[in-house]
């Protein structure tokens, strides 16, 4: 393949990978300072889109995400802190709206479930390996050993005659 034929797929991959993070435009939002704009980007980046579930509020193109961005913007313009806005959204939509939900009894399975599964898998793996190590090695019976020696001898003899 020529370098030119690889250029189009590489550009497409770069656009798809890099373009989704800031896919929405901020044209409809006006900010007093670049710091306010960055605070808005940071906050919407920490919140999960309730429709897409695997995208941040900042990256999502869903209508609900756009509505939530407008709501976050309005609350920021009203002077609410990031903590107040986050608390409002958590009260309304639950911990699921956060990319990093707090560690509390209702989220223990989310936080510790993967470690528990790895631990259970490790226990089963160790038990299986120990069983294999403790099983005696199977030996051939004298009859089987004699039969194998006869087969090998016959194979050797036929090899000699073929030369």
C-alpha atoms as a PDB file:
ATOM      1  CA  UNK A   1       0.000   0.000   0.000  1.00  0.00           C
ATOM      2  CA  UNK A   2       1.174   3.475  -0.763  1.00  0.00           C
ATOM      3  CA  UNK A   3       1.377   6.187   1.901  1.00  0.00           C
ATOM      4  CA  UNK A   4      -1.342   8.131   0.080  1.00  0.00           C
ATOM      5  CA  UNK A   5      -3.822   5.261   0.357  1.00  0.00           C
ATOM      6  CA  UNK A   6      -3.233   5.167   4.124  1.00  0.00           C
ATOM      7  CA  UNK A   7      -3.695   8.921   4.550  1.00  0.00           C
ATOM      8  CA  UNK A   8      -7.496   9.036   4.236  1.00  0.00           C
ATOM      9  CA  UNK A   9      -8.173   6.250   6.790  1.00  0.00           C
ATOM     10  CA  UNK A  10      -5.639   7.785   9.190  1.00  0.00           C
ATOM     11  CA  UNK A  11      -7.274  11.218   8.953  1.00  0.00           C
ATOM     12  CA  UNK A  12     -10.725   9.713   9.434  1.00  0.00           C
ATOM     13  CA  UNK A  13      -9.558   7.820  12.536  1.00  0.00           C
ATOM     14  CA  UNK A  14      -7.966  10.963  13.967  1.00  0.00           C
ATOM     15  CA  UNK A  15     -11.137  12.968  13.411  1.00  0.00           C
ATOM     16  CA  UNK A  16     -13.315  10.306  14.984  1.00  0.00           C
ATOM     17  CA  UNK A  17     -11.023   9.856  17.983  1.00  0.00           C
ATOM     18  CA  UNK A  18     -10.270  13.477  18.718  1.00  0.00           C
ATOM     19  CA  UNK A  19     -13.425  15.205  17.604  1.00  0.00           C
ATOM     20  CA  UNK A  20     -15.868  13.629  20.012  1.00  0.00           C
ATOM     21  CA  UNK A  21     -14.561  15.223  23.214  1.00  0.00           C
ATOM     22  CA  UNK A  22     -15.524  18.756  22.250  1.00  0.00           C
ATOM     23  CA  UNK A  23     -18.100  17.868  19.627  1.00  0.00           C
ATOM     24  CA  UNK A  24     -20.690  20.393  20.767  1.00  0.00           C
ATOM     25  CA  UNK A  25     -20.146  24.043  20.126  1.00  0.00           C
ATOM     26  CA  UNK A  26     -20.096  26.734  22.761  1.00  0.00           C
ATOM     27  CA  UNK A  27     -21.469  29.355  20.380  1.00  0.00           C
ATOM     28  CA  UNK A  28     -24.808  29.517  22.142  1.00  0.00           C
ATOM     29  CA  UNK A  29     -23.066  30.068  25.492  1.00  0.00           C
ATOM     30  CA  UNK A  30     -21.299  33.302  26.298  1.00  0.00           C
ATOM     31  CA  UNK A  31     -18.750  33.450  29.085  1.00  0.00           C
ATOM     32  CA  UNK A  32     -17.352  36.445  30.937  1.00  0.00           C
ATOM     33  CA  UNK A  33     -13.847  35.025  31.133  1.00  0.00           C
ATOM     34  CA  UNK A  34     -11.900  32.086  29.759  1.00  0.00           C
ATOM     35  CA  UNK A  35     -11.820  30.763  33.350  1.00  0.00           C
ATOM     36  CA  UNK A  36     -15.641  30.566  33.407  1.00  0.00           C
ATOM     37  CA  UNK A  37     -15.611  28.758  30.081  1.00  0.00           C
ATOM     38  CA  UNK A  38     -13.004  26.303  31.362  1.00  0.00           C
ATOM     39  CA  UNK A  39     -15.011  25.732  34.564  1.00  0.00           C
ATOM     40  CA  UNK A  40     -18.069  24.951  32.414  1.00  0.00           C
ATOM     41  CA  UNK A  41     -16.053  22.522  30.273  1.00  0.00           C
ATOM     42  CA  UNK A  42     -14.580  20.853  33.356  1.00  0.00           C
ATOM     43  CA  UNK A  43     -17.954  20.404  35.028  1.00  0.00           C
ATOM     44  CA  UNK A  44     -19.708  19.056  31.940  1.00  0.00           C
ATOM     45  CA  UNK A  45     -16.749  16.743  31.407  1.00  0.00           C
ATOM     46  CA  UNK A  46     -17.257  15.219  34.877  1.00  0.00           C
ATOM     47  CA  UNK A  47     -20.955  14.563  34.326  1.00  0.00           C
ATOM     48  CA  UNK A  48     -22.327  11.556  32.432  1.00  0.00           C
ATOM     49  CA  UNK A  49     -24.906  11.840  29.682  1.00  0.00           C
ATOM     50  CA  UNK A  50     -28.018  10.026  30.863  1.00  0.00           C
ATOM     51  CA  UNK A  51     -28.934   8.953  27.335  1.00  0.00           C
ATOM     52  CA  UNK A  52     -25.541   7.909  25.970  1.00  0.00           C
ATOM     53  CA  UNK A  53     -24.315   6.590  29.344  1.00  0.00           C
ATOM     54  CA  UNK A  54     -20.765   6.179  28.109  1.00  0.00           C
ATOM     55  CA  UNK A  55     -20.163   9.786  27.106  1.00  0.00           C
ATOM     56  CA  UNK A  56     -19.661  12.868  29.158  1.00  0.00           C
ATOM     57  CA  UNK A  57     -22.224  15.622  29.110  1.00  0.00           C
ATOM     58  CA  UNK A  58     -19.653  17.700  27.249  1.00  0.00           C
ATOM     59  CA  UNK A  59     -19.211  15.184  24.436  1.00  0.00           C
ATOM     60  CA  UNK A  60     -22.765  13.966  23.973  1.00  0.00           C
ATOM     61  CA  UNK A  61     -24.868  15.119  21.046  1.00  0.00           C
ATOM     62  CA  UNK A  62     -28.211  13.987  22.521  1.00  0.00           C
ATOM     63  CA  UNK A  63     -31.019  16.479  23.048  1.00  0.00           C
ATOM     64  CA  UNK A  64     -31.112  15.713  26.781  1.00  0.00           C
ATOM     65  CA  UNK A  65     -27.393  16.449  27.056  1.00  0.00           C
ATOM     66  CA  UNK A  66     -27.905  19.772  25.321  1.00  0.00           C
ATOM     67  CA  UNK A  67     -30.745  20.599  27.731  1.00  0.00           C
ATOM     68  CA  UNK A  68     -28.579  19.665  30.711  1.00  0.00           C
ATOM     69  CA  UNK A  69     -25.699  21.782  29.386  1.00  0.00           C
ATOM     70  CA  UNK A  70     -28.111  24.727  29.159  1.00  0.00           C
ATOM     71  CA  UNK A  71     -29.289  24.053  32.711  1.00  0.00           C
ATOM     72  CA  UNK A  72     -25.720  23.834  34.014  1.00  0.00           C
ATOM     73  CA  UNK A  73     -24.874  27.056  32.164  1.00  0.00           C
ATOM     74  CA  UNK A  74     -27.913  28.829  33.634  1.00  0.00           C
ATOM     75  CA  UNK A  75     -27.011  27.702  37.155  1.00  0.00           C
ATOM     76  CA  UNK A  76     -23.412  28.839  36.676  1.00  0.00           C
ATOM     77  CA  UNK A  77     -24.635  32.247  35.436  1.00  0.00           C
ATOM     78  CA  UNK A  78     -26.887  32.432  38.513  1.00  0.00           C
ATOM     79  CA  UNK A  79     -23.804  32.132  40.699  1.00  0.00           C
ATOM     80  CA  UNK A  80     -24.175  28.514  41.817  1.00  0.00           C
ATOM     81  CA  UNK A  81     -20.960  26.698  42.682  1.00  0.00           C
ATOM     82  CA  UNK A  82     -19.882  23.493  40.949  1.00  0.00           C
ATOM     83  CA  UNK A  83     -20.721  21.568  44.127  1.00  0.00           C
ATOM     84  CA  UNK A  84     -24.241  23.032  44.232  1.00  0.00           C
ATOM     85  CA  UNK A  85     -24.816  22.214  40.570  1.00  0.00           C
ATOM     86  CA  UNK A  86     -23.475  18.685  41.028  1.00  0.00           C
ATOM     87  CA  UNK A  87     -25.617  18.156  44.142  1.00  0.00           C
ATOM     88  CA  UNK A  88     -28.700  19.372  42.246  1.00  0.00           C
ATOM     89  CA  UNK A  89     -28.072  16.951  39.381  1.00  0.00           C
ATOM     90  CA  UNK A  90     -27.337  14.037  41.743  1.00  0.00           C
ATOM     91  CA  UNK A  91     -30.523  14.752  43.695  1.00  0.00           C
ATOM     92  CA  UNK A  92     -32.474  14.808  40.469  1.00  0.00           C
ATOM     93  CA  UNK A  93     -30.823  11.937  38.530  1.00  0.00           C
ATOM     94  CA  UNK A  94     -28.909   9.927  41.132  1.00  0.00           C
ATOM     95  CA  UNK A  95     -25.216   9.056  41.428  1.00  0.00           C
ATOM     96  CA  UNK A  96     -25.298   7.668  37.896  1.00  0.00           C
ATOM     97  CA  UNK A  97     -24.898  11.199  36.528  1.00  0.00           C
ATOM     98  CA  UNK A  98     -21.358  11.287  37.973  1.00  0.00           C
ATOM     99  CA  UNK A  99     -18.456   9.618  36.212  1.00  0.00           C
ATOM    100  CA  UNK A 100     -16.885   9.026  39.634  1.00  0.00           C
ATOM    101  CA  UNK A 101     -19.720   8.300  42.046  1.00  0.00           C
ATOM    102  CA  UNK A 102     -18.936   8.511  45.775  1.00  0.00           C
ATOM    103  CA  UNK A 103     -18.033   5.400  47.736  1.00  0.00           C
ATOM    104  CA  UNK A 104     -21.100   4.587  49.814  1.00  0.00           C
ATOM    105  CA  UNK A 105     -23.192   1.463  50.495  1.00  0.00           C
ATOM    106  CA  UNK A 106     -25.317   1.891  47.378  1.00  0.00           C
ATOM    107  CA  UNK A 107     -22.195   2.037  45.161  1.00  0.00           C
ATOM    108  CA  UNK A 108     -20.053  -0.626  46.888  1.00  0.00           C
ATOM    109  CA  UNK A 109     -20.781  -3.185  44.172  1.00  0.00           C
ATOM    110  CA  UNK A 110     -19.741  -0.699  41.492  1.00  0.00           C
ATOM    111  CA  UNK A 111     -16.474   0.161  43.256  1.00  0.00           C
ATOM    112  CA  UNK A 112     -15.496  -3.220  44.717  1.00  0.00           C
ATOM    113  CA  UNK A 113     -17.297  -5.683  42.414  1.00  0.00           C
ATOM    114  CA  UNK A 114     -14.435  -6.012  39.920  1.00  0.00           C
ATOM    115  CA  UNK A 115     -11.945  -6.751  42.718  1.00  0.00           C
ATOM    116  CA  UNK A 116     -14.284  -9.357  44.191  1.00  0.00           C
ATOM    117  CA  UNK A 117     -14.645 -11.047  40.795  1.00  0.00           C
ATOM    118  CA  UNK A 118     -10.866 -11.072  40.315  1.00  0.00           C
ATOM    119  CA  UNK A 119     -10.439 -12.568  43.798  1.00  0.00           C
ATOM    120  CA  UNK A 120     -13.018 -15.311  43.158  1.00  0.00           C
ATOM    121  CA  UNK A 121     -11.351 -16.096  39.824  1.00  0.00           C
ATOM    122  CA  UNK A 122      -7.935 -16.282  41.501  1.00  0.00           C
ATOM    123  CA  UNK A 123      -9.279 -18.698  44.136  1.00  0.00           C
ATOM    124  CA  UNK A 124     -10.693 -21.013  41.459  1.00  0.00           C
ATOM    125  CA  UNK A 125      -7.467 -20.817  39.449  1.00  0.00           C
ATOM    126  CA  UNK A 126      -5.333 -21.698  42.480  1.00  0.00           C
ATOM    127  CA  UNK A 127      -7.618 -24.599  43.423  1.00  0.00           C
ATOM    128  CA  UNK A 128      -7.435 -25.968  39.892  1.00  0.00           C
ATOM    129  CA  UNK A 129      -3.649 -25.657  39.755  1.00  0.00           C
ATOM    130  CA  UNK A 130      -3.248 -27.354  43.149  1.00  0.00           C
ATOM    131  CA  UNK A 131      -5.480 -30.241  42.112  1.00  0.00           C
ATOM    132  CA  UNK A 132      -3.454 -30.776  38.972  1.00  0.00           C
ATOM    133  CA  UNK A 133      -0.206 -30.696  40.946  1.00  0.00           C
ATOM    134  CA  UNK A 134      -1.432 -33.217  43.527  1.00  0.00           C
ATOM    135  CA  UNK A 135      -2.755 -35.746  41.030  1.00  0.00           C
ATOM    136  CA  UNK A 136      -0.341 -38.660  40.530  1.00  0.00           C
ATOM    137  CA  UNK A 137       1.245 -38.944  37.137  1.00  0.00           C
ATOM    138  CA  UNK A 138      -0.396 -41.695  35.139  1.00  0.00           C
ATOM    139  CA  UNK A 139       1.970 -44.512  34.235  1.00  0.00           C
ATOM    140  CA  UNK A 140       1.557 -47.119  31.559  1.00  0.00           C
ATOM    141  CA  UNK A 141       0.715 -50.653  32.449  1.00  0.00           C
ATOM    142  CA  UNK A 142       3.372 -53.284  31.566  1.00  0.00           C
ATOM    143  CA  UNK A 143       1.147 -54.559  28.721  1.00  0.00           C
ATOM    144  CA  UNK A 144       0.811 -51.071  27.230  1.00  0.00           C
ATOM    145  CA  UNK A 145       4.560 -50.489  27.575  1.00  0.00           C
ATOM    146  CA  UNK A 146       5.293 -53.757  25.726  1.00  0.00           C
ATOM    147  CA  UNK A 147       2.808 -52.857  22.968  1.00  0.00           C
ATOM    148  CA  UNK A 148       4.399 -49.423  22.467  1.00  0.00           C
ATOM    149  CA  UNK A 149       7.871 -50.964  22.254  1.00  0.00           C
ATOM    150  CA  UNK A 150       6.616 -53.431  19.616  1.00  0.00           C
ATOM    151  CA  UNK A 151       5.041 -50.624  17.563  1.00  0.00           C
ATOM    152  CA  UNK A 152       8.239 -48.552  17.747  1.00  0.00           C
ATOM    153  CA  UNK A 153      10.353 -51.552  16.781  1.00  0.00           C
ATOM    154  CA  UNK A 154       8.081 -52.278  13.807  1.00  0.00           C
ATOM    155  CA  UNK A 155       8.246 -48.652  12.714  1.00  0.00           C
ATOM    156  CA  UNK A 156      12.043 -48.680  12.997  1.00  0.00           C
ATOM    157  CA  UNK A 157      12.245 -51.926  10.981  1.00  0.00           C
ATOM    158  CA  UNK A 158      10.021 -50.550   8.218  1.00  0.00           C
ATOM    159  CA  UNK A 159      12.149 -47.424   8.108  1.00  0.00           C
ATOM    160  CA  UNK A 160      15.297 -49.534   7.690  1.00  0.00           C
ATOM    161  CA  UNK A 161      13.772 -51.567   4.858  1.00  0.00           C
ATOM    162  CA  UNK A 162      12.638 -48.405   3.078  1.00  0.00           C
ATOM    163  CA  UNK A 163      16.200 -47.145   2.825  1.00  0.00           C
END
